Protein backbone atom coordinates (compact mmCIF):
# COMPACT_ATOMS: atom_id res chain seq x y z
CA UNK A 1 88.78 6.06 37.64
CA UNK A 2 86.33 9.00 37.83
CA UNK A 3 83.72 9.37 40.55
CA UNK A 4 80.22 9.64 39.04
CA UNK A 5 76.90 10.35 40.73
CA UNK A 6 73.35 11.37 39.99
CA UNK A 7 72.15 14.52 41.76
CA UNK A 8 68.43 15.14 42.27
CA UNK A 9 66.06 16.79 44.77
CA UNK A 10 62.41 17.65 45.39
CA UNK A 11 60.89 14.40 44.21
CA UNK A 12 57.83 14.96 46.47
CA UNK A 13 56.62 11.37 46.37
CA UNK A 14 52.81 11.06 46.24
CA UNK A 15 52.20 14.81 46.19
CA UNK A 16 48.41 15.35 46.49
CA UNK A 17 46.59 16.57 43.37
CA UNK A 18 43.08 17.33 44.55
CA UNK A 19 42.32 20.03 41.96
CA UNK A 20 43.18 17.76 39.06
CA UNK A 21 41.19 14.92 40.57
CA UNK A 22 38.07 17.05 40.56
CA UNK A 23 38.33 17.82 36.84
CA UNK A 24 39.76 14.71 35.23
CA UNK A 25 40.28 11.49 37.16
CA UNK A 26 42.47 9.89 34.46
CA UNK A 27 44.75 12.93 34.30
CA UNK A 28 44.97 13.05 38.08
CA UNK A 29 45.98 9.38 38.12
CA UNK A 30 48.68 10.03 35.51
CA UNK A 31 50.20 13.02 37.27
CA UNK A 32 49.66 11.54 40.73
CA UNK A 33 51.77 8.53 39.77
CA UNK A 34 54.33 10.57 37.83
CA UNK A 35 56.53 11.29 40.87
CA UNK A 36 56.91 7.55 41.45
CA UNK A 37 57.66 6.99 37.78
CA UNK A 38 60.24 9.77 37.91
CA UNK A 39 61.95 8.10 40.87
CA UNK A 40 61.96 4.82 38.96
CA UNK A 41 63.53 6.64 35.99
CA UNK A 42 66.22 8.05 38.30
CA UNK A 43 67.01 4.59 39.71
CA UNK A 44 67.14 3.12 36.20
CA UNK A 45 69.48 5.93 35.11
CA UNK A 46 71.83 5.15 38.01
CA UNK A 47 71.86 1.49 37.03
CA UNK A 48 72.25 2.09 33.30
CA UNK A 49 75.09 4.57 33.80
CA UNK A 50 76.70 2.46 36.55
CA UNK A 51 77.31 5.50 38.69
CA UNK A 52 78.93 5.33 42.10
CA UNK A 53 76.22 7.16 44.04
CA UNK A 54 72.82 8.82 44.10
CA UNK A 55 72.53 12.14 45.96
CA UNK A 56 69.07 13.38 46.99
CA UNK A 57 69.21 16.96 48.29
CA UNK A 58 65.98 16.96 50.28
CA UNK A 59 62.20 16.73 49.90
CA UNK A 60 62.05 13.12 48.82
CA UNK A 61 58.64 13.09 50.49
CA UNK A 62 55.83 15.63 50.29
CA UNK A 63 55.04 16.12 53.94
CA UNK A 64 53.05 14.26 56.57
CA UNK A 65 52.84 11.01 54.63
CA UNK A 66 51.38 7.94 56.32
CA UNK A 67 51.21 5.43 53.46
CA UNK A 68 53.35 2.36 54.02
CA UNK A 69 52.75 1.54 50.37
CA UNK A 70 54.98 4.52 49.58
CA UNK A 71 57.52 3.23 52.08
CA UNK A 72 57.66 -0.18 50.46
CA UNK A 73 57.95 1.34 47.00
CA UNK A 74 60.86 3.57 48.04
CA UNK A 75 62.66 0.80 49.88
CA UNK A 76 62.31 -1.47 46.85
CA UNK A 77 63.80 1.13 44.53
CA UNK A 78 66.76 1.86 46.80
CA UNK A 79 67.30 -1.89 47.24
CA UNK A 80 68.02 -2.06 43.49
CA UNK A 81 70.89 0.40 43.99
CA UNK A 82 72.08 -1.53 47.03
CA UNK A 83 72.25 -4.76 45.01
CA UNK A 84 74.26 -2.95 42.31
CA UNK A 85 76.73 -1.53 44.84
CA UNK A 86 75.53 2.06 44.33
CA UNK A 87 75.38 4.14 47.51
CA UNK A 88 72.66 6.69 48.28
CA UNK A 89 73.31 9.93 50.19
CA UNK A 90 70.23 11.74 51.42
CA UNK A 91 69.42 14.85 53.43
CA UNK A 92 66.00 15.80 54.78
CA UNK A 93 64.37 18.98 53.51
CA UNK A 94 61.50 20.95 55.00
CA UNK A 95 58.87 18.50 53.69
CA UNK A 96 60.84 15.46 54.85
CA UNK A 97 60.94 16.85 58.39
CA UNK A 98 57.15 16.39 58.52
CA UNK A 99 57.15 12.83 57.18
CA UNK A 100 56.23 9.97 59.49
CA UNK A 101 57.49 7.47 56.93
CA UNK A 102 60.98 8.96 57.14
CA UNK A 103 61.08 8.00 60.83
CA UNK A 104 59.72 4.47 60.41
CA UNK A 105 61.26 3.29 57.15
CA UNK A 106 64.13 0.77 57.25
CA UNK A 107 66.45 1.31 54.28
CA UNK A 108 69.43 -0.67 52.97
CA UNK A 109 72.83 -0.23 54.65
CA UNK A 110 74.11 1.59 51.56
CA UNK A 111 71.71 4.48 52.21
CA UNK A 112 73.19 7.29 54.29
CA UNK A 113 70.70 9.76 55.76
CA UNK A 114 72.49 12.79 57.20
CA UNK A 115 71.17 13.95 60.56
CA UNK A 116 70.54 17.32 62.18
CA UNK A 117 74.26 17.72 62.95
CA UNK A 118 76.66 18.29 60.06
CA UNK A 119 78.71 15.27 58.99
CA UNK A 120 81.45 14.61 56.47
CA UNK A 121 81.65 11.10 55.00
CA UNK A 122 85.04 10.28 53.48
CA UNK A 123 85.28 7.64 50.77
CA UNK A 124 87.77 6.68 48.08
CA UNK A 125 86.67 6.20 44.47
CA UNK A 126 89.35 4.72 42.21
CA UNK A 127 92.10 6.32 44.29
CA UNK A 128 90.27 9.69 44.33
CA UNK A 129 89.52 10.91 47.89
CA UNK A 130 85.93 12.18 48.18
CA UNK A 131 84.29 13.95 51.14
CA UNK A 132 80.50 14.19 51.17
CA UNK A 133 79.09 16.80 53.54
CA UNK A 134 75.44 16.84 54.59
CA UNK A 135 73.02 18.38 57.07
CA UNK A 136 69.30 17.64 57.36
CA UNK A 137 66.42 19.81 58.49
CA UNK A 138 65.50 18.77 62.02
CA UNK A 139 62.28 20.82 61.86
CA UNK A 140 60.05 21.99 58.98
CA UNK A 141 61.45 25.52 59.18
CA UNK A 142 65.04 26.75 59.04
CA UNK A 143 64.92 30.56 59.01
CA UNK A 144 68.70 31.01 59.27
CA UNK A 145 71.57 29.93 57.04
CA UNK A 146 72.98 26.45 57.61
CA UNK A 147 76.31 27.05 55.86
CA UNK A 148 78.33 27.95 59.01
CA UNK A 149 77.28 24.62 60.53
CA UNK A 150 78.91 22.55 57.76
CA UNK A 151 82.30 21.08 58.52
CA UNK A 152 85.35 22.62 56.84
CA UNK A 153 86.47 21.06 53.56
CA UNK A 154 88.63 17.97 53.96
CA UNK A 155 92.20 18.68 52.90
CA UNK A 156 93.25 17.11 49.57
CA UNK A 157 89.77 15.61 49.00
CA UNK A 158 87.08 16.51 46.48
CA UNK A 159 84.48 18.10 48.75
CA UNK A 160 80.81 17.73 47.84
CA UNK A 161 78.24 19.62 49.91
CA UNK A 162 74.56 18.60 50.02
CA UNK A 163 72.21 21.39 51.12
CA UNK A 164 68.49 22.17 51.04
CA UNK A 165 68.19 25.93 50.71
CA UNK A 166 66.13 28.72 49.16
CA UNK A 167 69.42 30.56 48.48
CA UNK A 168 68.74 34.31 48.37
CA UNK A 169 65.04 33.70 47.80
CA UNK A 170 62.89 32.63 44.90
CA UNK A 171 59.37 33.59 43.81
CA UNK A 172 56.89 30.93 44.89
CA UNK A 173 59.19 29.48 47.56
CA UNK A 174 59.25 30.37 51.23
CA UNK A 175 62.64 31.20 52.75
CA UNK A 176 64.36 28.07 54.04
CA UNK A 177 67.98 28.02 55.19
CA UNK A 178 68.79 31.15 53.10
CA UNK A 179 72.30 31.28 51.72
CA UNK A 180 74.35 33.52 49.46
CA UNK A 181 75.74 31.85 46.34
CA UNK A 182 78.93 33.91 46.74
CA UNK A 183 79.50 32.24 50.11
CA UNK A 184 79.05 28.79 48.54
CA UNK A 185 81.73 29.58 45.98
CA UNK A 186 84.03 30.82 48.74
CA UNK A 187 83.48 27.78 50.97
CA UNK A 188 86.35 25.72 49.56
CA UNK A 189 83.96 23.00 48.38
CA UNK A 190 84.20 21.69 44.83
CA UNK A 191 80.53 20.85 44.22
CA UNK A 192 77.32 21.94 45.92
CA UNK A 193 74.37 19.60 45.43
CA UNK A 194 71.41 21.85 46.25
CA UNK A 195 67.69 21.31 46.56
CA UNK A 196 64.43 23.17 47.36
CA UNK A 197 63.91 25.49 44.36
CA UNK A 198 62.01 23.64 41.64
CA UNK A 199 63.64 25.42 38.70
CA UNK A 200 66.95 24.07 37.39
CA UNK A 201 69.86 26.54 37.75
CA UNK A 202 73.64 26.38 37.37
CA UNK A 203 75.28 29.10 39.48
CA UNK A 204 78.62 29.64 37.75
CA UNK A 205 81.73 30.45 39.76
CA UNK A 206 84.73 28.90 41.47
CA UNK A 207 82.74 25.88 42.64
CA UNK A 208 80.14 23.92 40.66
CA UNK A 209 76.83 24.93 42.24
CA UNK A 210 73.77 23.14 40.85
CA UNK A 211 70.10 23.46 41.76
CA UNK A 212 68.73 20.54 39.69
CA UNK A 213 65.08 21.51 39.94
CA UNK A 214 62.53 18.78 40.44
CA UNK A 215 62.48 15.59 38.34
CA UNK A 216 58.71 15.82 37.74
CA UNK A 217 56.40 18.85 37.61
CA UNK A 218 53.08 18.68 39.48
CA UNK A 219 51.10 21.60 38.02
CA UNK A 220 51.24 24.41 35.47
CA UNK A 221 53.47 26.52 37.75
CA UNK A 222 56.12 23.79 37.34
CA UNK A 223 55.94 23.76 33.56
CA UNK A 224 58.55 22.46 31.15
CA UNK A 225 60.75 19.36 30.97
CA UNK A 226 62.25 18.21 34.28
CA UNK A 227 65.56 16.49 34.79
CA UNK A 228 68.41 15.37 37.04
CA UNK A 229 72.16 15.81 36.80
CA UNK A 230 74.83 13.23 36.10
CA UNK A 231 78.06 14.55 37.60
CA UNK A 232 81.52 13.24 36.75
CA UNK A 233 84.58 14.05 38.86
CA UNK A 234 87.56 13.17 36.66
CA UNK A 235 90.92 11.90 37.89
CA UNK A 236 92.30 15.43 37.46
CA UNK A 237 89.40 16.68 39.67
CA UNK A 238 87.64 18.54 36.91
CA UNK A 239 83.86 18.36 37.18
CA UNK A 240 81.40 17.98 34.32
CA UNK A 241 77.60 18.03 34.57
CA UNK A 242 75.10 16.45 32.17
CA UNK A 243 71.34 17.06 32.29
CA UNK A 244 69.09 14.00 31.80
CA UNK A 245 65.32 14.09 31.27
CA UNK A 246 63.19 12.33 33.90
CA UNK A 247 59.71 13.89 33.69
CA UNK A 248 56.90 11.61 32.55
CA UNK A 249 54.25 14.33 32.22
CA UNK A 250 55.22 17.81 31.03
CA UNK A 251 53.03 20.80 31.82
CA UNK A 252 52.96 23.52 29.15
CA UNK A 253 50.91 26.63 28.35
CA UNK A 254 49.50 26.48 24.82
CA UNK A 255 48.03 29.63 23.25
CA UNK A 256 45.74 29.41 20.23
CA UNK A 257 44.76 32.57 18.33
CA UNK A 258 41.17 32.45 17.02
CA UNK A 259 41.22 35.89 15.39
CA UNK A 260 38.72 35.97 12.50
CA UNK A 261 37.71 32.33 13.00
CA UNK A 262 33.97 32.19 12.38
CA UNK A 263 33.11 28.47 12.39
CA UNK A 264 33.11 26.16 15.41
CA UNK A 265 34.78 23.39 13.38
CA UNK A 266 37.60 25.75 12.38
CA UNK A 267 38.13 26.76 16.01
CA UNK A 268 38.45 23.10 16.99
CA UNK A 269 40.87 22.58 14.11
CA UNK A 270 43.03 25.51 15.25
CA UNK A 271 43.16 24.00 18.72
CA UNK A 272 44.28 20.66 17.31
CA UNK A 273 46.99 22.36 15.24
CA UNK A 274 48.29 24.23 18.29
CA UNK A 275 48.29 21.13 20.45
CA UNK A 276 50.01 19.04 17.77
CA UNK A 277 52.78 21.64 17.40
CA UNK A 278 53.34 21.72 21.18
CA UNK A 279 53.26 17.91 21.35
CA UNK A 280 56.05 17.85 18.74
CA UNK A 281 58.17 20.13 20.95
CA UNK A 282 57.45 18.21 24.16
CA UNK A 283 60.36 16.11 25.38
CA UNK A 284 58.42 14.10 27.99
CA UNK A 285 56.14 11.14 27.32
CA UNK A 286 52.93 13.09 28.07
CA UNK A 287 51.91 16.70 27.36
CA UNK A 288 49.59 18.30 29.93
CA UNK A 289 48.41 21.53 28.33
CA UNK A 290 46.79 24.61 29.79
CA UNK A 291 44.99 25.81 26.70
CA UNK A 292 44.38 29.55 26.27
CA UNK A 293 42.18 30.84 23.45
CA UNK A 294 42.90 34.40 22.35
CA UNK A 295 41.89 36.94 19.70
CA UNK A 296 38.71 38.55 18.40
CA UNK A 297 36.23 36.12 16.91
CA UNK A 298 32.48 36.15 16.25
CA UNK A 299 32.45 32.82 18.10
CA UNK A 300 33.42 34.48 21.40
CA UNK A 301 29.87 34.47 22.81
CA UNK A 302 29.20 30.89 21.72
CA UNK A 303 32.49 29.59 23.13
CA UNK A 304 31.83 31.27 26.46
CA UNK A 305 28.30 29.94 26.51
CA UNK A 306 29.34 26.39 25.55
CA UNK A 307 32.71 26.24 27.27
CA UNK A 308 32.11 22.64 28.34
CA UNK A 309 31.58 21.62 24.72
CA UNK A 310 34.76 23.39 23.59
CA UNK A 311 36.68 21.67 26.37
CA UNK A 312 35.32 18.33 25.16
CA UNK A 313 36.42 19.23 21.61
CA UNK A 314 39.92 20.02 22.87
CA UNK A 315 40.12 16.79 24.86
CA UNK A 316 39.01 14.80 21.82
CA UNK A 317 41.73 16.45 19.71
CA UNK A 318 44.26 15.65 22.43
CA UNK A 319 43.20 11.99 22.36
CA UNK A 320 43.62 11.99 18.59
CA UNK A 321 47.16 13.40 18.83
CA UNK A 322 48.03 10.93 21.57
CA UNK A 323 49.39 11.40 25.11
CA UNK A 324 48.07 14.98 25.08
CA UNK A 325 45.89 16.13 27.97
CA UNK A 326 43.97 19.35 28.67
CA UNK A 327 44.58 20.52 32.22
CA UNK A 328 42.44 23.65 31.86
CA UNK A 329 40.82 25.80 29.18
CA UNK A 330 41.22 29.57 29.59
CA UNK A 331 39.55 32.27 27.50
CA UNK A 332 41.01 35.61 26.43
CA UNK A 333 38.69 36.10 23.46
CA UNK A 334 36.33 38.91 22.57
CA UNK A 335 33.73 39.73 19.95
CA UNK A 336 35.10 41.95 17.13
CA UNK A 337 34.03 45.59 17.31
CA UNK A 338 32.58 45.12 13.85
CA UNK A 339 30.06 42.61 15.19
CA UNK A 340 26.72 42.28 13.38
CA UNK A 341 24.22 45.03 14.17
CA UNK A 342 21.78 42.48 15.57
CA UNK A 343 24.37 41.48 18.17
CA UNK A 344 25.58 44.99 18.91
CA UNK A 345 22.02 46.19 19.54
CA UNK A 346 21.08 43.25 21.71
CA UNK A 347 19.99 44.40 25.21
CA UNK A 348 21.94 41.56 26.82
CA UNK A 349 25.11 42.80 25.14
CA UNK A 350 24.33 46.31 26.33
CA UNK A 351 23.80 44.98 29.87
CA UNK A 352 27.18 43.23 29.72
CA UNK A 353 28.83 46.49 28.69
CA UNK A 354 27.05 48.30 31.52
CA UNK A 355 28.32 45.75 34.05
CA UNK A 356 31.89 46.23 32.81
CA UNK A 357 31.69 50.00 32.80
CA UNK A 358 29.63 50.66 35.92
CA UNK A 359 29.14 47.79 38.35
CA UNK A 360 32.57 46.15 38.31
CA UNK A 361 34.41 49.46 38.62
CA UNK A 362 32.69 50.48 41.85
CA UNK A 363 35.22 50.49 44.67
CA UNK A 364 33.05 48.52 47.11
CA UNK A 365 32.44 45.70 44.66
CA UNK A 366 36.09 45.62 43.63
CA UNK A 367 37.20 45.55 47.28
CA UNK A 368 34.99 42.53 47.95
CA UNK A 369 36.50 40.64 45.01
CA UNK A 370 40.02 41.62 46.07
CA UNK A 371 39.39 40.37 49.61
CA UNK A 372 37.97 37.09 48.32
CA UNK A 373 41.10 36.48 46.21
CA UNK A 374 43.42 37.31 49.09
CA UNK A 375 41.54 34.94 51.38
CA UNK A 376 41.89 32.20 48.78
CA UNK A 377 45.63 32.86 48.41
CA UNK A 378 46.16 32.66 52.16
CA UNK A 379 44.78 29.10 52.12
CA UNK A 380 47.16 27.95 49.37
CA UNK A 381 50.81 26.85 49.72
CA UNK A 382 53.34 29.45 48.57
CA UNK A 383 54.25 27.59 45.40
CA UNK A 384 50.61 27.72 44.19
CA UNK A 385 50.03 31.48 44.50
CA UNK A 386 51.70 32.83 41.37
CA UNK A 387 48.49 32.69 39.30
CA UNK A 388 47.32 35.91 41.01
CA UNK A 389 50.52 37.83 40.24
CA UNK A 390 53.94 38.14 41.79
CA UNK A 391 53.61 41.75 42.97
CA UNK A 392 50.88 44.24 43.86
CA UNK A 393 50.56 45.64 40.33
CA UNK A 394 50.19 42.15 38.85
CA UNK A 395 47.65 41.28 41.54
CA UNK A 396 45.53 44.30 40.64
CA UNK A 397 45.67 43.33 36.96
CA UNK A 398 44.49 39.86 37.95
CA UNK A 399 41.52 41.35 39.81
CA UNK A 400 40.74 43.48 36.73
CA UNK A 401 40.72 40.38 34.56
CA UNK A 402 38.39 38.57 36.97
CA UNK A 403 35.91 41.43 36.89
CA UNK A 404 36.03 41.80 33.12
CA UNK A 405 35.83 38.09 32.39
CA UNK A 406 33.05 37.64 34.93
CA UNK A 407 30.82 40.26 33.39
CA UNK A 408 31.35 38.79 29.92
CA UNK A 409 30.58 35.27 31.13
CA UNK A 410 27.36 36.40 32.84
CA UNK A 411 26.23 38.15 29.67
CA UNK A 412 27.07 35.08 27.60
CA UNK A 413 24.94 32.86 29.84
CA UNK A 414 22.08 35.36 29.66
CA UNK A 415 22.41 35.31 25.88
CA UNK A 416 22.15 31.53 25.94
CA UNK A 417 18.97 31.71 28.04
CA UNK A 418 17.51 34.33 25.69
CA UNK A 419 18.13 32.02 22.70
CA UNK A 420 16.71 29.03 24.49
CA UNK A 421 20.13 27.36 24.64
CA UNK A 422 20.38 26.99 20.86
């Protein structure tokens, strides 16, 4: 009989979503509950597939959680596995090390939480000897590799290692228990169940090394469908891995080109067409779209002036499509150079051009904006900083876009005031 298990990580139960809550309470409620729904989907998958075990490679929690409601929910879900005879093997990641719930929660006897000292649990599955190796974070930070602390592979057994690690480093993730993939392949283990990096990756080599990603994205930087792995260790010890969808809400960037669109109704129609096409491609139950309008259109000034109305149009179209939400509306539109003479000669337009060409390019003004952005970034967690660029050149381009977009938006609002808001 084969040994089968589900491998997941980085569930981040009840991850806070303050920014979404400020913009759209219903969307915040959907995404805020999605991590719980994803865990429920994982438990149901284990039961439906009648696997032997569930492996969680760290960050089940999202940090310093105090809600006993979360504790009761988790215990209830793991109790379902206990009743079905399915064991759970869990290590603590950097977020789990902060959790108060993790210290207080009483879980079923079939749940094994590995401690701060490496352990190897030996079991037999249908005559197949299995050794599960695990090591938890004792503190929120682990600046050095944990691999040398793992016990040697058990002779003649199928050795499965569970590790929370940033590997050689990943953009948007701080370094935690760094480890070289080459060393994992050379360890003598058959399968490495990894966690920490939120993007799914299969590191090919002698061993099967899987970073499953997270089962549910929380913002646009965690876009795309999210999943877990079903792993089968056959009687001949060959290992196969299947990916199974678990995300309830799927974040996606949706770009809509408004080039040459001259009527507001047509712009709204183009948005609906773009959203409908993305909804068709979306594997998860809900699409959460960051909508970006691009191109040169005579409507550029009006859209900037009435951005709230265009957002309402987009949200209405999303409701019409069904299970389609607008997380944010971004603008990368401009007025065609062949704009009407009346617009080109308008003093407000000329002032906007002057701001772009003179004011925003002054070094002192630019330095102030740059410092403001850097101060904002320093207050954000590492995984939320990519919007401002991943290197210095990208950061400078982001500052350029802020200055350019800001001057255009100011001019658009002045234009609205000049026209009396009509």
